């Protein structure tokens, strides 16, 4: 569909940032391309299913000699309040910033241990002061930068300083932060892994625990349950309203900004059963590298229903199911909900990329698709 034929509420623009890492400082594995797709979403009518053929707006990188468009392993992307795109590169340990037209502006960070340096960065989180935060897991560090990429300070969370604690995600909301934290408790007889979603005040003090799941591994009777510890998938709006997927069903636990549980969001959904080959591949995943021989490995009979979710423009909640992610020749079929959990409609987006092989990030009203991101990350881990 041409832009001239679209209503203002239907207009969508597709763009891409392609990163093909080459050059003397890059390792050979990094020839796996990392790329991003950019989607601008506006408006939405209620009811039914709508399909959009997306148009490309701009593209960065790919086969280029421009040093500003060379990436190693892209692990996250976020937009700031000014509409600029921040691209986090794990291999280069830096953040590259691009304007609304895809033009390179500047980079910040860089590998090191000093103030403003990064070491294995994994997550970006926009700040209320228009700046940007960068999280690294080991050693745990949350560094913040202003709108020009100048280092400000490290954030500290008083209750998350134990050596075995890691943070996998940080979101700043009104009145504080939402954090996903993981802890490990060892003894001679067992190992307990715990995942938690907690709310902290602006000073980093824990106020409330929203969700917790633990798994116990007894060395005398070793057993592995697929997905343990909890692989939470969650989305929060700027006010702090949160929706959380914690199992294989199409259901989302909802929480008010105060952290109080407000119920369960569900939809009628027929889960996709796993084949024998798929079950075998999951078991082999846990056996890779040794150490799990003879361990009982329990695998779910069906695929996880909810693959991805995020809040987007107009405060709508976007949910991508496993079946929706597999609609042929599309980015996927997304279920849209009002912030209060009321179902609005389904939208099929046709364009380059698929969640089956790529990663999605929705930030600042833009949907970014990191092409082949998981392959690039696994190659980096193998090195």
Protein backbone atom coordinates (compact mmCIF):
# COMPACT_ATOMS: atom_id res chain seq x y z
CA UNK A 1 0.00 0.00 0.00
CA UNK A 2 1.35 3.44 -0.93
CA UNK A 3 1.54 6.17 1.71
CA UNK A 4 -0.83 8.31 -0.36
CA UNK A 5 -3.57 5.70 0.08
CA UNK A 6 -3.18 5.38 3.85
CA UNK A 7 -5.10 7.23 6.49
CA UNK A 8 -2.99 8.99 9.16
CA UNK A 9 -3.82 6.15 11.52
CA UNK A 10 -2.56 3.54 9.07
CA UNK A 11 0.70 5.11 7.97
CA UNK A 12 3.74 2.99 8.79
CA UNK A 13 7.34 3.49 7.74
CA UNK A 14 9.90 0.72 7.65
CA UNK A 15 13.63 1.33 7.93
CA UNK A 16 16.67 -0.75 8.71
CA UNK A 17 20.05 -0.52 10.32
CA UNK A 18 22.32 -3.26 9.00
CA UNK A 19 25.62 -3.92 10.75
CA UNK A 20 28.13 -6.10 8.93
CA UNK A 21 31.21 -6.16 11.17
CA UNK A 22 34.44 -6.26 9.14
CA UNK A 23 37.91 -4.84 9.49
CA UNK A 24 41.12 -5.71 11.27
CA UNK A 25 39.74 -5.34 14.79
CA UNK A 26 36.82 -7.74 14.17
CA UNK A 27 37.07 -11.51 14.62
CA UNK A 28 36.07 -13.78 11.77
CA UNK A 29 32.90 -15.00 13.51
CA UNK A 30 31.49 -11.50 13.39
CA UNK A 31 30.86 -11.75 9.65
CA UNK A 32 27.39 -12.86 10.77
CA UNK A 33 25.40 -9.71 10.02
CA UNK A 34 23.49 -7.95 12.77
CA UNK A 35 20.76 -5.61 11.59
CA UNK A 36 17.82 -3.59 12.81
CA UNK A 37 14.45 -2.82 11.29
CA UNK A 38 12.69 0.41 12.25
CA UNK A 39 8.90 0.67 12.30
CA UNK A 40 6.93 3.82 13.04
CA UNK A 41 3.44 3.02 14.30
CA UNK A 42 0.58 5.49 14.53
CA UNK A 43 -3.09 5.06 15.31
CA UNK A 44 -5.27 1.98 15.41
CA UNK A 45 -8.88 1.11 14.71
CA UNK A 46 -10.74 -1.38 16.91
CA UNK A 47 -11.75 -4.92 15.99
CA UNK A 48 -10.67 -7.60 13.52
CA UNK A 49 -7.26 -8.20 11.99
CA UNK A 50 -5.42 -5.64 9.88
CA UNK A 51 -2.43 -6.31 7.60
CA UNK A 52 0.14 -3.72 6.59
CA UNK A 53 2.76 -3.92 3.84
CA UNK A 54 5.65 -1.89 5.25
CA UNK A 55 7.87 0.50 3.31
CA UNK A 56 11.57 1.00 3.99
CA UNK A 57 12.50 4.48 5.18
CA UNK A 58 16.28 4.24 5.69
CA UNK A 59 19.06 1.70 6.04
CA UNK A 60 22.44 1.89 7.74
CA UNK A 61 25.41 -0.41 7.35
CA UNK A 62 25.44 -3.67 5.43
CA UNK A 63 28.30 -3.90 2.95
CA UNK A 64 29.81 -0.50 3.65
CA UNK A 65 33.22 1.06 4.17
CA UNK A 66 31.80 3.76 6.43
CA UNK A 67 33.50 3.25 9.83
CA UNK A 68 30.47 4.76 11.57
CA UNK A 69 28.29 1.93 10.27
CA UNK A 70 30.43 -1.06 11.32
CA UNK A 71 29.10 -3.16 14.20
CA UNK A 72 30.30 -6.20 16.12
CA UNK A 73 27.42 -7.87 18.01
CA UNK A 74 24.35 -5.66 18.48
CA UNK A 75 22.54 -6.71 21.67
CA UNK A 76 20.11 -3.84 22.30
CA UNK A 77 18.68 -0.67 20.82
CA UNK A 78 16.64 2.17 22.34
CA UNK A 79 15.36 5.61 21.44
CA UNK A 80 15.82 8.62 23.69
CA UNK A 81 13.29 11.39 24.25
CA UNK A 82 14.74 13.35 21.32
CA UNK A 83 14.08 10.55 18.84
CA UNK A 84 17.72 9.53 18.47
CA UNK A 85 18.56 5.83 18.17
CA UNK A 86 21.15 4.32 20.53
CA UNK A 87 22.71 1.04 19.36
CA UNK A 88 24.53 -1.07 21.98
CA UNK A 89 27.44 -3.13 20.64
CA UNK A 90 28.60 -5.96 22.91
CA UNK A 91 31.82 -6.66 21.02
CA UNK A 92 32.94 -3.05 20.78
CA UNK A 93 31.59 -2.24 24.28
CA UNK A 94 30.15 1.04 23.04
CA UNK A 95 26.91 2.79 22.13
CA UNK A 96 26.52 4.44 18.71
CA UNK A 97 23.92 7.19 18.35
CA UNK A 98 22.04 8.02 15.12
CA UNK A 99 19.62 10.82 14.27
CA UNK A 100 16.05 10.42 13.04
CA UNK A 101 17.27 10.04 9.44
CA UNK A 102 19.86 7.40 10.24
CA UNK A 103 22.84 9.76 10.31
CA UNK A 104 25.65 8.95 12.72
CA UNK A 105 26.05 11.49 15.54
CA UNK A 106 28.54 10.16 18.08
CA UNK A 107 29.51 7.13 20.17
CA UNK A 108 30.12 6.75 23.88
CA UNK A 109 31.39 4.09 26.25
CA UNK A 110 34.31 1.93 25.15
CA UNK A 111 35.90 -1.10 26.72
CA UNK A 112 37.45 -0.63 30.14
CA UNK A 113 36.88 -0.58 33.89
CA UNK A 114 36.96 3.16 34.62
CA UNK A 115 34.13 5.69 34.97
CA UNK A 116 32.08 5.69 31.78
CA UNK A 117 33.78 2.55 30.43
CA UNK A 118 31.82 -0.59 29.58
CA UNK A 119 32.65 -4.28 30.00
CA UNK A 120 30.33 -6.78 28.35
CA UNK A 121 27.30 -4.42 28.18
CA UNK A 122 23.94 -6.10 27.54
CA UNK A 123 20.98 -3.73 28.11
CA UNK A 124 20.00 -0.11 27.39
CA UNK A 125 17.37 1.69 29.47
CA UNK A 126 16.18 5.25 28.70
CA UNK A 127 16.19 7.65 31.66
CA UNK A 128 13.65 10.28 32.62
CA UNK A 129 16.30 13.03 32.26
CA UNK A 130 16.56 12.21 28.52
CA UNK A 131 19.80 10.34 29.15
CA UNK A 132 20.54 6.63 28.75
CA UNK A 133 21.53 3.84 31.12
CA UNK A 134 23.72 0.85 30.22
CA UNK A 135 23.68 -2.41 32.19
CA UNK A 136 26.48 -4.95 32.36
CA UNK A 137 25.99 -8.25 34.25
CA UNK A 138 29.43 -9.30 35.50
CA UNK A 139 30.66 -7.42 37.37
CA UNK A 140 27.22 -5.90 37.95
CA UNK A 141 27.23 -2.25 36.91
CA UNK A 142 24.55 0.23 35.84
CA UNK A 143 26.16 3.28 34.21
CA UNK A 144 24.22 6.40 33.22
CA UNK A 145 25.01 8.98 30.53
CA UNK A 146 23.51 12.36 29.60
CA UNK A 147 21.99 13.31 26.24
CA UNK A 148 25.46 13.94 24.78
CA UNK A 149 26.92 10.62 25.92
CA UNK A 150 28.84 12.06 28.88
CA UNK A 151 29.14 9.73 31.85
CA UNK A 152 27.07 10.79 34.88
CA UNK A 153 27.24 8.12 37.59
CA UNK A 154 26.59 4.49 38.42
CA UNK A 155 23.24 3.46 39.88
CA UNK A 156 23.34 1.33 43.02
CA UNK A 157 20.58 -0.93 44.33
CA UNK A 158 21.12 -1.64 48.03
CA UNK A 159 19.46 -5.06 48.07
CA UNK A 160 21.16 -6.33 44.91
CA UNK A 161 24.81 -6.23 45.88
CA UNK A 162 25.37 -9.89 46.81
CA UNK A 163 28.06 -11.58 44.67
CA UNK A 164 25.64 -14.20 43.26
CA UNK A 165 23.05 -11.60 42.15
CA UNK A 166 22.77 -10.49 38.55
CA UNK A 167 20.38 -8.08 36.84
CA UNK A 168 19.06 -8.98 33.41
CA UNK A 169 16.76 -6.00 32.85
CA UNK A 170 16.12 -2.48 34.17
CA UNK A 171 13.21 -0.15 33.31
CA UNK A 172 12.83 3.32 34.78
CA UNK A 173 9.21 4.18 35.63
CA UNK A 174 7.49 6.96 37.53
CA UNK A 175 8.76 6.87 41.08
CA UNK A 176 11.60 4.40 40.62
CA UNK A 177 12.71 1.31 38.71
CA UNK A 178 11.43 -2.14 37.77
CA UNK A 179 14.21 -4.75 37.83
CA UNK A 180 14.56 -8.40 36.91
CA UNK A 181 17.15 -9.94 39.23
CA UNK A 182 18.56 -13.46 39.44
CA UNK A 183 20.15 -15.06 42.48
CA UNK A 184 21.98 -18.33 43.22
CA UNK A 185 22.11 -20.21 46.54
CA UNK A 186 24.56 -23.12 46.83
CA UNK A 187 25.08 -25.82 49.42
CA UNK A 188 26.74 -29.25 49.37
CA UNK A 189 23.37 -30.94 48.70
CA UNK A 190 21.55 -28.60 46.34
CA UNK A 191 21.52 -25.46 44.19
CA UNK A 192 18.59 -23.02 44.15
CA UNK A 193 18.20 -20.46 41.35
CA UNK A 194 15.67 -17.65 41.81
CA UNK A 195 14.33 -15.05 39.40
CA UNK A 196 12.50 -12.00 40.75
CA UNK A 197 10.72 -8.92 39.40
CA UNK A 198 11.02 -6.13 41.95
CA UNK A 199 10.18 -2.46 42.23
CA UNK A 200 12.81 -0.09 43.67
CA UNK A 201 12.53 3.56 44.64
CA UNK A 202 14.74 6.23 42.97
CA UNK A 203 17.43 5.65 45.62
CA UNK A 204 17.64 1.94 44.76
CA UNK A 205 15.83 0.56 47.81
CA UNK A 206 13.54 -2.41 47.18
CA UNK A 207 9.88 -1.49 47.78
CA UNK A 208 7.95 -4.53 46.59
CA UNK A 209 8.47 -7.93 45.01
CA UNK A 210 6.05 -8.47 42.13
CA UNK A 211 6.97 -11.98 41.03
CA UNK A 212 9.29 -14.78 42.07
CA UNK A 213 10.08 -18.24 40.69
CA UNK A 214 12.70 -20.63 42.01
CA UNK A 215 14.07 -23.95 40.88
CA UNK A 216 15.87 -26.45 43.08
CA UNK A 217 18.54 -28.79 41.73
CA UNK A 218 19.33 -31.67 44.11
CA UNK A 219 22.70 -33.23 43.35
CA UNK A 220 21.54 -36.64 44.63
CA UNK A 221 18.51 -36.68 42.27
CA UNK A 222 19.43 -34.31 39.42
CA UNK A 223 16.54 -33.05 37.29
CA UNK A 224 16.29 -30.15 34.85
CA UNK A 225 12.95 -28.52 34.02
CA UNK A 226 12.99 -26.65 30.73
CA UNK A 227 13.02 -22.91 31.26
CA UNK A 228 14.27 -22.98 34.86
CA UNK A 229 15.02 -20.63 36.39
CA UNK A 230 12.03 -18.58 35.28
CA UNK A 231 12.37 -16.96 31.88
CA UNK A 232 10.12 -14.01 32.66
CA UNK A 233 8.83 -11.97 29.73
CA UNK A 234 7.35 -8.66 30.75
CA UNK A 235 6.52 -5.15 29.64
CA UNK A 236 5.99 -1.96 31.64
CA UNK A 237 4.60 1.42 30.59
CA UNK A 238 6.20 4.70 31.79
CA UNK A 239 3.76 4.91 34.70
CA UNK A 240 4.84 1.49 35.98
CA UNK A 241 1.88 -0.68 34.93
CA UNK A 242 3.29 -4.14 34.22
CA UNK A 243 2.25 -7.31 32.36
CA UNK A 244 4.22 -10.50 33.02
CA UNK A 245 4.40 -13.88 31.26
CA UNK A 246 5.85 -16.58 33.53
CA UNK A 247 4.75 -19.88 31.95
CA UNK A 248 3.95 -21.59 28.63
CA UNK A 249 0.28 -20.51 28.48
CA UNK A 250 -1.33 -17.45 26.91
CA UNK A 251 -1.77 -15.57 30.16
CA UNK A 252 -0.27 -12.40 31.55
CA UNK A 253 -0.24 -11.39 35.21
CA UNK A 254 -0.99 -7.68 35.53
CA UNK A 255 0.22 -5.22 38.17
CA UNK A 256 -0.72 -1.62 38.87
CA UNK A 257 1.94 1.08 39.09
CA UNK A 258 1.92 0.60 42.86
CA UNK A 259 2.99 -3.01 42.37
CA UNK A 260 -0.37 -4.45 43.46
CA UNK A 261 -1.65 -7.41 41.44
CA UNK A 262 -4.67 -6.50 39.29
CA UNK A 263 -5.56 -9.85 37.75
CA UNK A 264 -4.80 -12.08 34.78
CA UNK A 265 -5.04 -11.30 31.06
CA UNK A 266 -5.85 -14.32 28.88
CA UNK A 267 -6.99 -15.12 25.34
CA UNK A 268 -8.32 -18.29 23.78
CA UNK A 269 -5.27 -19.90 22.22
CA UNK A 270 -4.44 -23.31 20.74
CA UNK A 271 -0.82 -24.07 21.73
CA UNK A 272 1.48 -25.56 19.10
CA UNK A 273 2.62 -29.03 20.17
CA UNK A 274 6.29 -29.96 19.91
CA UNK A 275 7.48 -32.72 17.63
CA UNK A 276 9.83 -35.48 18.75
CA UNK A 277 12.63 -33.74 16.87
CA UNK A 278 11.97 -30.44 18.65
CA UNK A 279 11.94 -32.16 22.05
CA UNK A 280 15.19 -33.92 21.21
CA UNK A 281 16.81 -30.61 20.19
CA UNK A 282 15.87 -29.06 23.54
CA UNK A 283 17.31 -32.00 25.48
CA UNK A 284 20.50 -31.83 23.40
CA UNK A 285 20.75 -28.13 24.26
CA UNK A 286 21.05 -28.97 27.95
CA UNK A 287 23.54 -31.73 27.20
CA UNK A 288 25.89 -29.51 25.23
CA UNK A 289 29.26 -29.03 26.89
CA UNK A 290 28.83 -32.05 29.17
CA UNK A 291 27.91 -32.16 32.83
CA UNK A 292 24.25 -33.12 32.31
CA UNK A 293 24.70 -36.77 31.33
CA UNK A 294 22.34 -39.00 33.31
CA UNK A 295 20.21 -36.04 34.43
CA UNK A 296 16.43 -36.25 33.96
CA UNK A 297 15.43 -33.49 31.54
CA UNK A 298 11.75 -32.50 31.52
CA UNK A 299 10.54 -30.74 28.37
CA UNK A 300 7.16 -29.02 27.88
CA UNK A 301 4.76 -30.72 25.48
CA UNK A 302 3.94 -27.47 23.66
CA UNK A 303 5.76 -24.30 22.67
CA UNK A 304 5.55 -21.27 24.88
CA UNK A 305 2.43 -19.35 23.87
CA UNK A 306 3.78 -15.82 24.36
CA UNK A 307 7.02 -15.11 22.57
CA UNK A 308 7.31 -11.32 22.95
CA UNK A 309 5.44 -8.34 24.43
CA UNK A 310 5.98 -4.61 24.78
CA UNK A 311 4.16 -1.33 25.30
CA UNK A 312 4.01 0.86 22.20
CA UNK A 313 2.46 4.07 20.87
CA UNK A 314 -0.71 5.34 22.54
CA UNK A 315 0.08 3.13 25.53
CA UNK A 316 -1.05 -0.03 23.71
CA UNK A 317 0.29 -3.41 24.77
CA UNK A 318 1.70 -5.45 21.86
CA UNK A 319 1.76 -9.25 22.31
CA UNK A 320 3.25 -11.71 19.82
CA UNK A 321 2.22 -15.33 20.30
CA UNK A 322 4.15 -18.35 19.10
CA UNK A 323 1.64 -18.93 16.30
CA UNK A 324 1.60 -15.21 15.48
CA UNK A 325 5.39 -15.22 15.16
CA UNK A 326 5.18 -17.96 12.53
CA UNK A 327 2.82 -16.34 10.03
CA UNK A 328 4.65 -16.92 6.76
CA UNK A 329 6.36 -14.00 4.99
CA UNK A 330 5.57 -11.51 7.77
CA UNK A 331 7.14 -9.97 10.85
CA UNK A 332 4.23 -11.59 12.67
CA UNK A 333 0.61 -11.20 13.74
CA UNK A 334 0.49 -9.05 16.87
CA UNK A 335 -2.36 -8.89 19.41
CA UNK A 336 -3.01 -5.33 20.63
CA UNK A 337 -4.51 -4.53 24.03
CA UNK A 338 -5.44 -1.34 25.80
CA UNK A 339 -3.27 -0.58 28.84
CA UNK A 340 -6.07 -1.88 31.09
CA UNK A 341 -5.94 -5.29 29.36
CA UNK A 342 -8.94 -4.91 27.03
CA UNK A 343 -8.32 -6.63 23.66
CA UNK A 344 -8.32 -4.17 20.74
CA UNK A 345 -7.38 -5.96 17.52
CA UNK A 346 -4.72 -8.04 15.77
CA UNK A 347 -2.23 -6.54 13.32
CA UNK A 348 -0.17 -8.46 10.77
CA UNK A 349 3.02 -6.66 9.73
CA UNK A 350 4.59 -7.61 6.43
CA UNK A 351 8.26 -6.80 6.11
CA UNK A 352 11.81 -8.05 6.39
CA UNK A 353 12.54 -10.17 9.46
CA UNK A 354 10.88 -12.72 11.73
CA UNK A 355 11.04 -13.40 15.46
CA UNK A 356 11.83 -17.05 14.69
CA UNK A 357 15.38 -16.00 13.78
CA UNK A 358 15.60 -12.35 14.91
CA UNK A 359 14.94 -10.21 18.00
CA UNK A 360 12.36 -7.44 18.43
CA UNK A 361 12.67 -4.26 20.50
CA UNK A 362 9.90 -1.64 20.69
CA UNK A 363 11.20 1.73 21.86
CA UNK A 364 10.01 5.29 21.38
CA UNK A 365 7.20 4.19 19.05
CA UNK A 366 9.63 2.28 16.82
CA UNK A 367 9.88 -1.48 16.37
CA UNK A 368 13.47 -2.60 15.89
CA UNK A 369 14.22 -6.07 14.56
CA UNK A 370 17.77 -7.26 15.23
CA UNK A 371 18.44 -9.58 12.31
CA UNK A 372 20.31 -12.78 13.17
CA UNK A 373 21.13 -11.33 16.58
CA UNK A 374 20.98 -14.69 18.37
CA UNK A 375 23.35 -16.33 15.86
CA UNK A 376 25.83 -13.50 16.28
CA UNK A 377 25.60 -13.67 20.08
CA UNK A 378 26.11 -17.45 20.13
CA UNK A 379 29.15 -17.08 17.87
CA UNK A 380 30.55 -14.48 20.25
CA UNK A 381 29.99 -16.86 23.18
CA UNK A 382 31.73 -19.69 21.34
CA UNK A 383 34.83 -17.52 20.94
